[in-house]
Amino acid sequence: MRINFFKEKNKIRLNKNLDFDSDIAISNANNESNNYLTANSDNEYDHYGFEKNKEYTQENNDDNKRNLEKYKKKIERRWQLYFTFKRDIKKSYYLKSLIRKGIPDKLRPDIWPYLLDSMVLCLKYPTIYEKCLNSELESKVLSQIDLDIIRTFPHNKNYRLNSPGLVQLKNVLRAFAVYKPKINYCQSMNFIAAITLIFLKEELAFWSIVQLIDSDYSHEKINISDYYNNEMRGLRRDIIVIEELIRVKLPDVHLRLKEFDVDLSWICSEWLLCLFCTTFPVRKKKKEKKKKKKKKRMIVSLLYLFIL
């Protein structure tokens, strides 16, 4: 079975025959994902190329693996129903709810660029990425990129020394620095780029990062460029917002933070600068069936506010 995406009036349409149990082939050549997802999984590495550590082994014992597979199929069925009854992917509360439960790996190469409008830019400006790669970049910026890429997910085989993934990562970061000179390059962008490259081709990953950091084209513009300037004014502003939300919604937690003189910037800076790429797992974990008070779930809701 194939999923065919057609661009019509800025909407994406899918054919009726969705089969999530089969390998999904994306018809648009510009939107083919990297080979990492299909080539990674073995005894040492997981589906995304990360080493299988002790925690991974414990999480993926036979019982947990069966439960996770059931959960994944449940989520895939929900997406299948969504595409069956909703012929167009429209940004809505229900779609947001689906995304929070997890986007199947097979759909991420299409859902991510659609929601970010990066596919639109990729098709509209087919030569810009190549031009950026061939443009001169300040030597100190290139040196910083070279330093950071070898420290990007060192336990992922896609980003080991002399790997093709490392070259792609450097290309994307270099192109972004040329395309957005007012932002240039800042540490932490390398992690965002590395995650997008697991699912997207180089050029589409580049446009996706442009849209995530300083949107060129979007009905709901995203602009966190002031996270990455010298003053980091945007980052400091959003940390203050988080602190105020905790004070209002979780007063006990707020009092404890004040009691121990905990500066939230120590905790939240990496979260926000990396857009949670180094904090949340790449794959969606199955929720444990435990009754929790709404109050205790509030902190998770706060984090999601900054993702979606």
C-alpha atoms as a PDB file:
ATOM      1  CA  MET A   1       0.000   0.000   0.000  1.00  0.00           C
ATOM      2  CA  ARG A   2       1.071   3.545  -0.617  1.00  0.00           C
ATOM      3  CA  ILE A   3       0.073   6.827   0.928  1.00  0.00           C
ATOM      4  CA  ASN A   4      -0.112   9.498  -1.732  1.00  0.00           C
ATOM      5  CA  PHE A   5       0.097  13.123  -0.722  1.00  0.00           C
ATOM      6  CA  PHE A   6      -1.281  15.718  -3.100  1.00  0.00           C
ATOM      7  CA  LYS A   7      -0.930  19.436  -2.601  1.00  0.00           C
ATOM      8  CA  GLU A   8      -4.306  21.092  -3.186  1.00  0.00           C
ATOM      9  CA  LYS A   9      -5.058  24.592  -2.043  1.00  0.00           C
ATOM     10  CA  ASN A  10      -2.404  24.309   0.641  1.00  0.00           C
ATOM     11  CA  LYS A  11      -3.941  21.075   1.973  1.00  0.00           C
ATOM     12  CA  ILE A  12      -2.644  17.530   1.943  1.00  0.00           C
ATOM     13  CA  ARG A  13      -4.954  14.792   0.705  1.00  0.00           C
ATOM     14  CA  LEU A  14      -4.432  11.087   1.233  1.00  0.00           C
ATOM     15  CA  ASN A  15      -5.820   8.116  -0.605  1.00  0.00           C
ATOM     16  CA  LYS A  16      -8.414   5.911   1.070  1.00  0.00           C
ATOM     17  CA  ASN A  17      -6.360   2.746   1.326  1.00  0.00           C
ATOM     18  CA  LEU A  18      -4.296   3.271   4.448  1.00  0.00           C
ATOM     19  CA  ASP A  19      -2.451   0.248   5.767  1.00  0.00           C
ATOM     20  CA  PHE A  20      -0.283   1.019   8.780  1.00  0.00           C
ATOM     21  CA  ASP A  21       0.901  -2.584   9.080  1.00  0.00           C
ATOM     22  CA  SER A  22       2.670  -2.422   5.751  1.00  0.00           C
ATOM     23  CA  ASP A  23       5.682  -0.357   4.795  1.00  0.00           C
ATOM     24  CA  ILE A  24       4.520   3.098   3.842  1.00  0.00           C
ATOM     25  CA  ALA A  25       6.115   4.593   0.765  1.00  0.00           C
ATOM     26  CA  ILE A  26       5.828   8.321   0.332  1.00  0.00           C
ATOM     27  CA  SER A  27       5.052   9.254  -3.230  1.00  0.00           C
ATOM     28  CA  ASN A  28       6.619  12.705  -3.231  1.00  0.00           C
ATOM     29  CA  ALA A  29      10.356  12.359  -3.877  1.00  0.00           C
ATOM     30  CA  ASN A  30      11.034  15.638  -2.083  1.00  0.00           C
ATOM     31  CA  ASN A  31       9.564  14.216   1.091  1.00  0.00           C
ATOM     32  CA  GLU A  32      11.340  10.890   1.354  1.00  0.00           C
ATOM     33  CA  SER A  33      12.707  10.252   4.813  1.00  0.00           C
ATOM     34  CA  ASN A  34      16.314   9.370   5.539  1.00  0.00           C
ATOM     35  CA  ASN A  35      17.360   5.719   5.516  1.00  0.00           C
ATOM     36  CA  TYR A  36      18.111   5.833   9.240  1.00  0.00           C
ATOM     37  CA  LEU A  37      14.777   4.434  10.419  1.00  0.00           C
ATOM     38  CA  THR A  38      14.954   1.313   8.276  1.00  0.00           C
ATOM     39  CA  ALA A  39      18.687   0.703   8.643  1.00  0.00           C
ATOM     40  CA  ASN A  40      19.196   1.302  12.351  1.00  0.00           C
ATOM     41  CA  SER A  41      17.501  -1.436  14.307  1.00  0.00           C
ATOM     42  CA  ASP A  42      19.742  -4.327  15.380  1.00  0.00           C
ATOM     43  CA  ASN A  43      21.002  -5.942  18.575  1.00  0.00           C
ATOM     44  CA  GLU A  44      23.085  -2.917  19.591  1.00  0.00           C
ATOM     45  CA  TYR A  45      20.997   0.015  18.348  1.00  0.00           C
ATOM     46  CA  ASP A  46      17.347   0.937  18.486  1.00  0.00           C
ATOM     47  CA  HIS A  47      15.095   2.014  15.636  1.00  0.00           C
ATOM     48  CA  TYR A  48      16.534   5.539  15.641  1.00  0.00           C
ATOM     49  CA  GLY A  49      20.226   4.624  15.854  1.00  0.00           C
ATOM     50  CA  PHE A  50      20.672   5.114  19.611  1.00  0.00           C
ATOM     51  CA  GLU A  51      22.598   2.539  21.623  1.00  0.00           C
ATOM     52  CA  LYS A  52      20.422   0.139  23.586  1.00  0.00           C
ATOM     53  CA  ASN A  53      21.447   0.877  27.161  1.00  0.00           C
ATOM     54  CA  LYS A  54      20.368  -0.887  30.362  1.00  0.00           C
ATOM     55  CA  GLU A  55      17.283   1.307  30.687  1.00  0.00           C
ATOM     56  CA  TYR A  56      16.240   0.452  27.123  1.00  0.00           C
ATOM     57  CA  THR A  57      16.676  -3.276  27.800  1.00  0.00           C
ATOM     58  CA  GLN A  58      14.534  -3.083  30.948  1.00  0.00           C
ATOM     59  CA  GLU A  59      11.838  -1.099  29.156  1.00  0.00           C
ATOM     60  CA  ASN A  60      11.780  -3.564  26.281  1.00  0.00           C
ATOM     61  CA  ASN A  61      11.465  -6.874  28.062  1.00  0.00           C
ATOM     62  CA  ASP A  62       8.921  -9.253  26.544  1.00  0.00           C
ATOM     63  CA  ASP A  63       5.937  -7.982  28.546  1.00  0.00           C
ATOM     64  CA  ASN A  64       6.690  -4.300  28.016  1.00  0.00           C
ATOM     65  CA  LYS A  65       7.421  -4.875  24.346  1.00  0.00           C
ATOM     66  CA  ARG A  66       4.058  -6.570  23.848  1.00  0.00           C
ATOM     67  CA  ASN A  67       2.283  -3.744  25.668  1.00  0.00           C
ATOM     68  CA  LEU A  68       4.148  -1.143  23.639  1.00  0.00           C
ATOM     69  CA  GLU A  69       3.249  -2.870  20.375  1.00  0.00           C
ATOM     70  CA  LYS A  70      -0.422  -2.907  21.406  1.00  0.00           C
ATOM     71  CA  TYR A  71      -0.229   0.778  22.258  1.00  0.00           C
ATOM     72  CA  LYS A  72       1.460   1.616  18.939  1.00  0.00           C
ATOM     73  CA  LYS A  73      -1.220  -0.252  16.992  1.00  0.00           C
ATOM     74  CA  LYS A  74      -3.912   1.560  18.952  1.00  0.00           C
ATOM     75  CA  ILE A  75      -2.371   4.931  18.081  1.00  0.00           C
ATOM     76  CA  GLU A  76      -1.939   3.929  14.444  1.00  0.00           C
ATOM     77  CA  ARG A  77      -5.621   2.922  14.263  1.00  0.00           C
ATOM     78  CA  ARG A  78      -6.595   6.355  15.563  1.00  0.00           C
ATOM     79  CA  TRP A  79      -4.534   8.042  12.875  1.00  0.00           C
ATOM     80  CA  GLN A  80      -6.019   5.704  10.289  1.00  0.00           C
ATOM     81  CA  LEU A  81      -9.534   6.660  11.412  1.00  0.00           C
ATOM     82  CA  TYR A  82      -8.584  10.323  11.325  1.00  0.00           C
ATOM     83  CA  PHE A  83      -7.465  10.068   7.695  1.00  0.00           C
ATOM     84  CA  THR A  84     -10.535   7.975   6.839  1.00  0.00           C
ATOM     85  CA  PHE A  85     -13.059  10.525   8.090  1.00  0.00           C
ATOM     86  CA  LYS A  86     -10.982  13.710   7.772  1.00  0.00           C
ATOM     87  CA  ARG A  87      -9.874  13.890   4.177  1.00  0.00           C
ATOM     88  CA  ASP A  88      -7.724  16.957   4.833  1.00  0.00           C
ATOM     89  CA  ILE A  89      -5.135  17.446   7.564  1.00  0.00           C
ATOM     90  CA  LYS A  90      -6.450  20.535   9.315  1.00  0.00           C
ATOM     91  CA  LYS A  91      -4.984  22.042  12.438  1.00  0.00           C
ATOM     92  CA  SER A  92      -7.553  21.368  15.135  1.00  0.00           C
ATOM     93  CA  TYR A  93      -7.911  20.420  18.775  1.00  0.00           C
ATOM     94  CA  TYR A  94      -8.440  16.774  17.823  1.00  0.00           C
ATOM     95  CA  LEU A  95      -5.310  16.738  15.670  1.00  0.00           C
ATOM     96  CA  LYS A  96      -3.346  18.259  18.566  1.00  0.00           C
ATOM     97  CA  SER A  97      -4.720  15.502  20.812  1.00  0.00           C
ATOM     98  CA  LEU A  98      -3.564  12.860  18.325  1.00  0.00           C
ATOM     99  CA  ILE A  99      -0.105  14.424  18.111  1.00  0.00           C
ATOM    100  CA  ARG A 100       0.254  14.404  21.898  1.00  0.00           C
ATOM    101  CA  LYS A 101      -0.481  10.693  21.931  1.00  0.00           C
ATOM    102  CA  GLY A 102       2.275  10.180  19.377  1.00  0.00           C
ATOM    103  CA  ILE A 103       2.781  10.420  15.620  1.00  0.00           C
ATOM    104  CA  PRO A 104       3.645   7.023  14.074  1.00  0.00           C
ATOM    105  CA  ASP A 105       7.203   6.984  12.726  1.00  0.00           C
ATOM    106  CA  LYS A 106       5.927   6.249   9.235  1.00  0.00           C
ATOM    107  CA  LEU A 107       3.911   9.469   9.203  1.00  0.00           C
ATOM    108  CA  ARG A 108       6.434  11.830  10.799  1.00  0.00           C
ATOM    109  CA  PRO A 109       8.221  12.590   7.494  1.00  0.00           C
ATOM    110  CA  ASP A 110       4.901  13.988   6.234  1.00  0.00           C
ATOM    111  CA  ILE A 111       3.107  15.340   9.297  1.00  0.00           C
ATOM    112  CA  TRP A 112       6.089  17.369  10.570  1.00  0.00           C
ATOM    113  CA  PRO A 113       6.739  19.273   7.301  1.00  0.00           C
ATOM    114  CA  TYR A 114       3.016  19.841   6.798  1.00  0.00           C
ATOM    115  CA  LEU A 115       2.417  21.331  10.239  1.00  0.00           C
ATOM    116  CA  LEU A 116       5.548  23.475   9.945  1.00  0.00           C
ATOM    117  CA  ASP A 117       4.807  24.508   6.343  1.00  0.00           C
ATOM    118  CA  SER A 118       8.397  23.546   5.540  1.00  0.00           C
ATOM    119  CA  MET A 119       7.294  21.464   2.550  1.00  0.00           C
ATOM    120  CA  VAL A 120       5.711  24.588   1.049  1.00  0.00           C
ATOM    121  CA  LEU A 121       9.031  26.452   1.298  1.00  0.00           C
ATOM    122  CA  CYS A 122      11.000  23.484  -0.012  1.00  0.00           C
ATOM    123  CA  LEU A 123       8.860  23.403  -3.153  1.00  0.00           C
ATOM    124  CA  LYS A 124       8.643  27.179  -3.516  1.00  0.00           C
ATOM    125  CA  TYR A 125      12.395  27.834  -3.220  1.00  0.00           C
ATOM    126  CA  PRO A 126      14.129  24.736  -4.653  1.00  0.00           C
ATOM    127  CA  THR A 127      17.550  26.389  -5.110  1.00  0.00           C
ATOM    128  CA  ILE A 128      18.028  28.255  -1.827  1.00  0.00           C
ATOM    129  CA  TYR A 129      19.439  25.346   0.185  1.00  0.00           C
ATOM    130  CA  GLU A 130      22.115  24.621  -2.414  1.00  0.00           C
ATOM    131  CA  LYS A 131      23.016  28.313  -2.625  1.00  0.00           C
ATOM    132  CA  CYS A 132      23.413  28.500   1.154  1.00  0.00           C
ATOM    133  CA  LEU A 133      25.715  25.472   1.134  1.00  0.00           C
ATOM    134  CA  ASN A 134      27.904  27.102  -1.513  1.00  0.00           C
ATOM    135  CA  SER A 135      28.079  30.458   0.267  1.00  0.00           C
ATOM    136  CA  GLU A 136      30.957  31.610   2.439  1.00  0.00           C
ATOM    137  CA  LEU A 137      30.549  31.425   6.213  1.00  0.00           C
ATOM    138  CA  GLU A 138      32.671  33.066   8.882  1.00  0.00           C
ATOM    139  CA  SER A 139      35.478  30.750   9.995  1.00  0.00           C
ATOM    140  CA  LYS A 140      34.720  31.037  13.719  1.00  0.00           C
ATOM    141  CA  VAL A 141      31.107  29.979  13.087  1.00  0.00           C
ATOM    142  CA  LEU A 142      32.262  26.984  11.058  1.00  0.00           C
ATOM    143  CA  SER A 143      34.708  26.044  13.808  1.00  0.00           C
ATOM    144  CA  GLN A 144      31.932  26.130  16.403  1.00  0.00           C
ATOM    145  CA  ILE A 145      29.699  23.961  14.233  1.00  0.00           C
ATOM    146  CA  ASP A 146      32.563  21.471  13.751  1.00  0.00           C
ATOM    147  CA  LEU A 147      33.055  21.318  17.524  1.00  0.00           C
ATOM    148  CA  ASP A 148      29.373  20.825  18.286  1.00  0.00           C
ATOM    149  CA  ILE A 149      28.425  18.218  15.715  1.00  0.00           C
ATOM    150  CA  ILE A 150      30.838  15.640  17.144  1.00  0.00           C
ATOM    151  CA  ARG A 151      29.195  16.158  20.554  1.00  0.00           C
ATOM    152  CA  THR A 152      25.691  15.687  19.171  1.00  0.00           C
ATOM    153  CA  PHE A 153      24.104  12.451  20.399  1.00  0.00           C
ATOM    154  CA  PRO A 154      27.456  10.606  20.617  1.00  0.00           C
ATOM    155  CA  HIS A 155      25.595   7.363  21.383  1.00  0.00           C
ATOM    156  CA  ASN A 156      23.734   7.510  18.069  1.00  0.00           C
ATOM    157  CA  LYS A 157      25.531   5.689  15.284  1.00  0.00           C
ATOM    158  CA  ASN A 158      24.206   8.136  12.682  1.00  0.00           C
ATOM    159  CA  TYR A 159      26.366  10.881  14.197  1.00  0.00           C
ATOM    160  CA  ARG A 160      29.611   9.028  14.803  1.00  0.00           C
ATOM    161  CA  LEU A 161      32.859  10.337  13.314  1.00  0.00           C
ATOM    162  CA  ASN A 162      33.067   9.954   9.532  1.00  0.00           C
ATOM    163  CA  SER A 163      29.389   8.993   9.286  1.00  0.00           C
ATOM    164  CA  PRO A 164      27.181  10.427   6.494  1.00  0.00           C
ATOM    165  CA  GLY A 165      24.812  11.740   9.163  1.00  0.00           C
ATOM    166  CA  LEU A 166      27.526  13.995  10.571  1.00  0.00           C
ATOM    167  CA  VAL A 167      28.097  15.521   7.129  1.00  0.00           C
ATOM    168  CA  GLN A 168      24.364  16.114   6.713  1.00  0.00           C
ATOM    169  CA  LEU A 169      24.162  17.688  10.158  1.00  0.00           C
ATOM    170  CA  LYS A 170      26.999  20.079   9.337  1.00  0.00           C
ATOM    171  CA  ASN A 171      25.362  20.978   6.018  1.00  0.00           C
ATOM    172  CA  VAL A 172      22.019  21.827   7.610  1.00  0.00           C
ATOM    173  CA  LEU A 173      23.572  23.965  10.365  1.00  0.00           C
ATOM    174  CA  ARG A 174      25.871  25.735   7.915  1.00  0.00           C
ATOM    175  CA  ALA A 175      22.976  26.486   5.542  1.00  0.00           C
ATOM    176  CA  PHE A 176      20.864  27.835   8.402  1.00  0.00           C
ATOM    177  CA  ALA A 177      23.673  30.141   9.572  1.00  0.00           C
ATOM    178  CA  VAL A 178      23.999  31.557   6.054  1.00  0.00           C
ATOM    179  CA  TYR A 179      20.247  31.882   5.503  1.00  0.00           C
ATOM    180  CA  LYS A 180      19.558  33.537   8.863  1.00  0.00           C
ATOM    181  CA  PRO A 181      22.596  35.781   9.481  1.00  0.00           C
ATOM    182  CA  LYS A 182      20.829  37.717  12.256  1.00  0.00           C
ATOM    183  CA  ILE A 183      20.620  34.439  14.219  1.00  0.00           C
ATOM    184  CA  ASN A 184      23.648  32.683  12.748  1.00  0.00           C
ATOM    185  CA  TYR A 185      24.423  29.510  14.712  1.00  0.00           C
ATOM    186  CA  CYS A 186      23.948  28.815  18.403  1.00  0.00           C
ATOM    187  CA  GLN A 187      24.747  25.736  20.466  1.00  0.00           C
ATOM    188  CA  SER A 188      21.676  23.517  20.938  1.00  0.00           C
ATOM    189  CA  MET A 189      20.504  23.967  17.343  1.00  0.00           C
ATOM    190  CA  ASN A 190      22.626  20.916  16.541  1.00  0.00           C
ATOM    191  CA  PHE A 191      20.323  18.670  18.595  1.00  0.00           C
ATOM    192  CA  ILE A 192      17.194  19.997  16.887  1.00  0.00           C
ATOM    193  CA  ALA A 193      18.779  19.419  13.480  1.00  0.00           C
ATOM    194  CA  ALA A 194      19.940  15.913  14.443  1.00  0.00           C
ATOM    195  CA  ILE A 195      16.428  14.804  15.396  1.00  0.00           C
ATOM    196  CA  THR A 196      14.860  16.203  12.230  1.00  0.00           C
ATOM    197  CA  LEU A 197      17.490  14.437  10.108  1.00  0.00           C
ATOM    198  CA  ILE A 198      16.463  11.060  11.521  1.00  0.00           C
ATOM    199  CA  PHE A 199      13.136  11.487   9.741  1.00  0.00           C
ATOM    200  CA  LEU A 200      13.706  14.029   6.960  1.00  0.00           C
ATOM    201  CA  LYS A 201      16.003  14.614   4.024  1.00  0.00           C
ATOM    202  CA  GLU A 202      18.622  17.339   4.348  1.00  0.00           C
ATOM    203  CA  GLU A 203      16.797  20.105   2.500  1.00  0.00           C
ATOM    204  CA  LEU A 204      13.486  19.462   4.225  1.00  0.00           C
ATOM    205  CA  ALA A 205      15.237  19.296   7.600  1.00  0.00           C
ATOM    206  CA  PHE A 206      16.797  22.700   6.843  1.00  0.00           C
ATOM    207  CA  TRP A 207      13.433  24.300   6.064  1.00  0.00           C
ATOM    208  CA  SER A 208      11.861  22.665   9.116  1.00  0.00           C
ATOM    209  CA  ILE A 209      14.480  24.246  11.388  1.00  0.00           C
ATOM    210  CA  VAL A 210      13.927  27.605   9.685  1.00  0.00           C
ATOM    211  CA  GLN A 211      10.223  27.264  10.459  1.00  0.00           C
ATOM    212  CA  LEU A 212      10.806  26.153  14.041  1.00  0.00           C
ATOM    213  CA  ILE A 213      13.167  28.986  14.918  1.00  0.00           C
ATOM    214  CA  ASP A 214      12.227  31.945  12.717  1.00  0.00           C
ATOM    215  CA  SER A 215       9.252  31.167  10.511  1.00  0.00           C
ATOM    216  CA  ASP A 216       9.302  32.501   6.946  1.00  0.00           C
ATOM    217  CA  TYR A 217       5.917  31.164   5.986  1.00  0.00           C
ATOM    218  CA  SER A 218       3.188  30.127   8.379  1.00  0.00           C
ATOM    219  CA  HIS A 219      -0.355  31.029   9.282  1.00  0.00           C
ATOM    220  CA  GLU A 220       0.695  30.801  12.911  1.00  0.00           C
ATOM    221  CA  LYS A 221       4.186  32.266  12.872  1.00  0.00           C
ATOM    222  CA  ILE A 222       6.784  30.680  15.113  1.00  0.00           C
ATOM    223  CA  ASN A 223       9.620  32.935  16.176  1.00  0.00           C
ATOM    224  CA  ILE A 224      12.008  31.950  18.935  1.00  0.00           C
ATOM    225  CA  SER A 225      15.007  33.638  17.329  1.00  0.00           C
ATOM    226  CA  ASP A 226      15.509  35.689  20.504  1.00  0.00           C
ATOM    227  CA  TYR A 227      16.316  32.437  22.318  1.00  0.00           C
ATOM    228  CA  TYR A 228      19.585  32.383  20.422  1.00  0.00           C
ATOM    229  CA  ASN A 229      20.871  35.963  20.454  1.00  0.00           C
ATOM    230  CA  ASN A 230      23.480  37.257  22.900  1.00  0.00           C
ATOM    231  CA  GLU A 231      20.951  38.532  25.433  1.00  0.00           C
ATOM    232  CA  MET A 232      18.670  35.457  25.149  1.00  0.00           C
ATOM    233  CA  ARG A 233      15.769  37.731  25.999  1.00  0.00           C
ATOM    234  CA  GLY A 234      13.138  35.336  24.652  1.00  0.00           C
ATOM    235  CA  LEU A 235      14.519  32.438  26.668  1.00  0.00           C
ATOM    236  CA  ARG A 236      14.565  34.464  29.884  1.00  0.00           C
ATOM    237  CA  ARG A 237      11.033  35.714  29.209  1.00  0.00           C
ATOM    238  CA  ASP A 238       9.624  32.207  28.742  1.00  0.00           C
ATOM    239  CA  ILE A 239      11.373  30.903  31.859  1.00  0.00           C
ATOM    240  CA  ILE A 240       9.672  33.704  33.826  1.00  0.00           C
ATOM    241  CA  VAL A 241       6.331  32.604  32.315  1.00  0.00           C
ATOM    242  CA  ILE A 242       6.978  28.992  33.392  1.00  0.00           C
ATOM    243  CA  GLU A 243       7.862  30.155  36.896  1.00  0.00           C
ATOM    244  CA  GLU A 244       4.640  32.171  37.133  1.00  0.00           C
ATOM    245  CA  LEU A 245       2.565  29.236  35.888  1.00  0.00           C
ATOM    246  CA  ILE A 246       4.153  26.999  38.513  1.00  0.00           C
ATOM    247  CA  ARG A 247       3.435  29.629  41.185  1.00  0.00           C
ATOM    248  CA  VAL A 248      -0.246  29.748  40.212  1.00  0.00           C
ATOM    249  CA  LYS A 249      -0.875  26.090  39.382  1.00  0.00           C
ATOM    250  CA  LEU A 250       1.627  24.308  41.642  1.00  0.00           C
ATOM    251  CA  PRO A 251       2.100  26.564  44.687  1.00  0.00           C
ATOM    252  CA  ASP A 252       3.643  23.781  46.801  1.00  0.00           C
ATOM    253  CA  VAL A 253       6.279  23.121  44.153  1.00  0.00           C
ATOM    254  CA  HIS A 254       6.904  26.849  43.811  1.00  0.00           C
ATOM    255  CA  LEU A 255       7.439  27.227  47.568  1.00  0.00           C
ATOM    256  CA  ARG A 256       9.882  24.326  47.599  1.00  0.00           C
ATOM    257  CA  LEU A 257      11.845  25.806  44.695  1.00  0.00           C
ATOM    258  CA  LYS A 258      12.067  29.110  46.560  1.00  0.00           C
ATOM    259  CA  GLU A 259      13.007  27.357  49.793  1.00  0.00           C
ATOM    260  CA  PHE A 260      16.057  25.799  48.153  1.00  0.00           C
ATOM    261  CA  ASP A 261      16.762  28.882  46.033  1.00  0.00           C
ATOM    262  CA  VAL A 262      16.452  26.942  42.776  1.00  0.00           C
ATOM    263  CA  ASP A 263      16.823  29.073  39.676  1.00  0.00           C
ATOM    264  CA  LEU A 264      14.546  27.619  36.984  1.00  0.00           C
ATOM    265  CA  SER A 265      16.979  28.692  34.292  1.00  0.00           C
ATOM    266  CA  TRP A 266      19.292  25.914  35.536  1.00  0.00           C
ATOM    267  CA  ILE A 267      16.585  23.399  34.675  1.00  0.00           C
ATOM    268  CA  CYS A 268      14.633  24.916  31.803  1.00  0.00           C
ATOM    269  CA  SER A 269      17.313  26.443  29.580  1.00  0.00           C
ATOM    270  CA  GLU A 270      18.290  23.162  27.960  1.00  0.00           C
ATOM    271  CA  TRP A 271      14.636  22.155  27.592  1.00  0.00           C
ATOM    272  CA  LEU A 272      13.727  25.277  25.652  1.00  0.00           C
ATOM    273  CA  LEU A 273      16.941  25.815  23.686  1.00  0.00           C
ATOM    274  CA  CYS A 274      16.892  22.216  22.431  1.00  0.00           C
ATOM    275  CA  LEU A 275      13.076  22.182  22.112  1.00  0.00           C
ATOM    276  CA  PHE A 276      13.115  19.148  24.449  1.00  0.00           C
ATOM    277  CA  CYS A 277      15.115  17.064  21.930  1.00  0.00           C
ATOM    278  CA  THR A 278      17.563  16.004  24.666  1.00  0.00           C
ATOM    279  CA  THR A 279      14.853  15.587  27.321  1.00  0.00           C
ATOM    280  CA  PHE A 280      11.890  13.720  25.857  1.00  0.00           C
ATOM    281  CA  PRO A 281      12.342  10.317  24.190  1.00  0.00           C
ATOM    282  CA  VAL A 282      12.193  10.209  20.387  1.00  0.00           C
ATOM    283  CA  ARG A 283       9.568   7.514  20.547  1.00  0.00           C
ATOM    284  CA  LYS A 284       6.321   7.961  22.416  1.00  0.00           C
ATOM    285  CA  LYS A 285       6.257   5.854  25.557  1.00  0.00           C
ATOM    286  CA  LYS A 286       3.131   4.040  26.648  1.00  0.00           C
ATOM    287  CA  LYS A 287       1.520   5.732  29.602  1.00  0.00           C
ATOM    288  CA  GLU A 288       1.287   3.667  32.747  1.00  0.00           C
ATOM    289  CA  LYS A 289      -2.271   3.088  33.878  1.00  0.00           C
ATOM    290  CA  LYS A 290      -2.218   4.989  37.107  1.00  0.00           C
ATOM    291  CA  LYS A 291      -4.737   7.444  38.408  1.00  0.00           C
ATOM    292  CA  LYS A 292      -3.045  10.764  38.909  1.00  0.00           C
ATOM    293  CA  LYS A 293      -4.444  13.999  40.170  1.00  0.00           C
ATOM    294  CA  LYS A 294      -4.775  16.775  37.637  1.00  0.00           C
ATOM    295  CA  LYS A 295      -2.458  18.859  39.766  1.00  0.00           C
ATOM    296  CA  LYS A 296       0.398  16.385  39.343  1.00  0.00           C
ATOM    297  CA  ARG A 297      -0.104  16.287  35.576  1.00  0.00           C
ATOM    298  CA  MET A 298      -0.011  20.055  35.270  1.00  0.00           C
ATOM    299  CA  ILE A 299       3.778  20.270  34.844  1.00  0.00           C
ATOM    300  CA  VAL A 300       3.556  17.968  31.793  1.00  0.00           C
ATOM    301  CA  SER A 301       0.850  20.207  30.353  1.00  0.00           C
ATOM    302  CA  LEU A 302       3.086  23.218  30.896  1.00  0.00           C
ATOM    303  CA  LEU A 303       5.887  21.585  28.948  1.00  0.00           C
ATOM    304  CA  TYR A 304       3.546  20.737  26.079  1.00  0.00           C
ATOM    305  CA  LEU A 305       2.548  24.393  25.826  1.00  0.00           C
ATOM    306  CA  PHE A 306       6.045  25.115  24.569  1.00  0.00           C
ATOM    307  CA  ILE A 307       6.062  22.229  22.089  1.00  0.00           C
ATOM    308  CA  LEU A 308       2.774  22.663  20.255  1.00  0.00           C
END
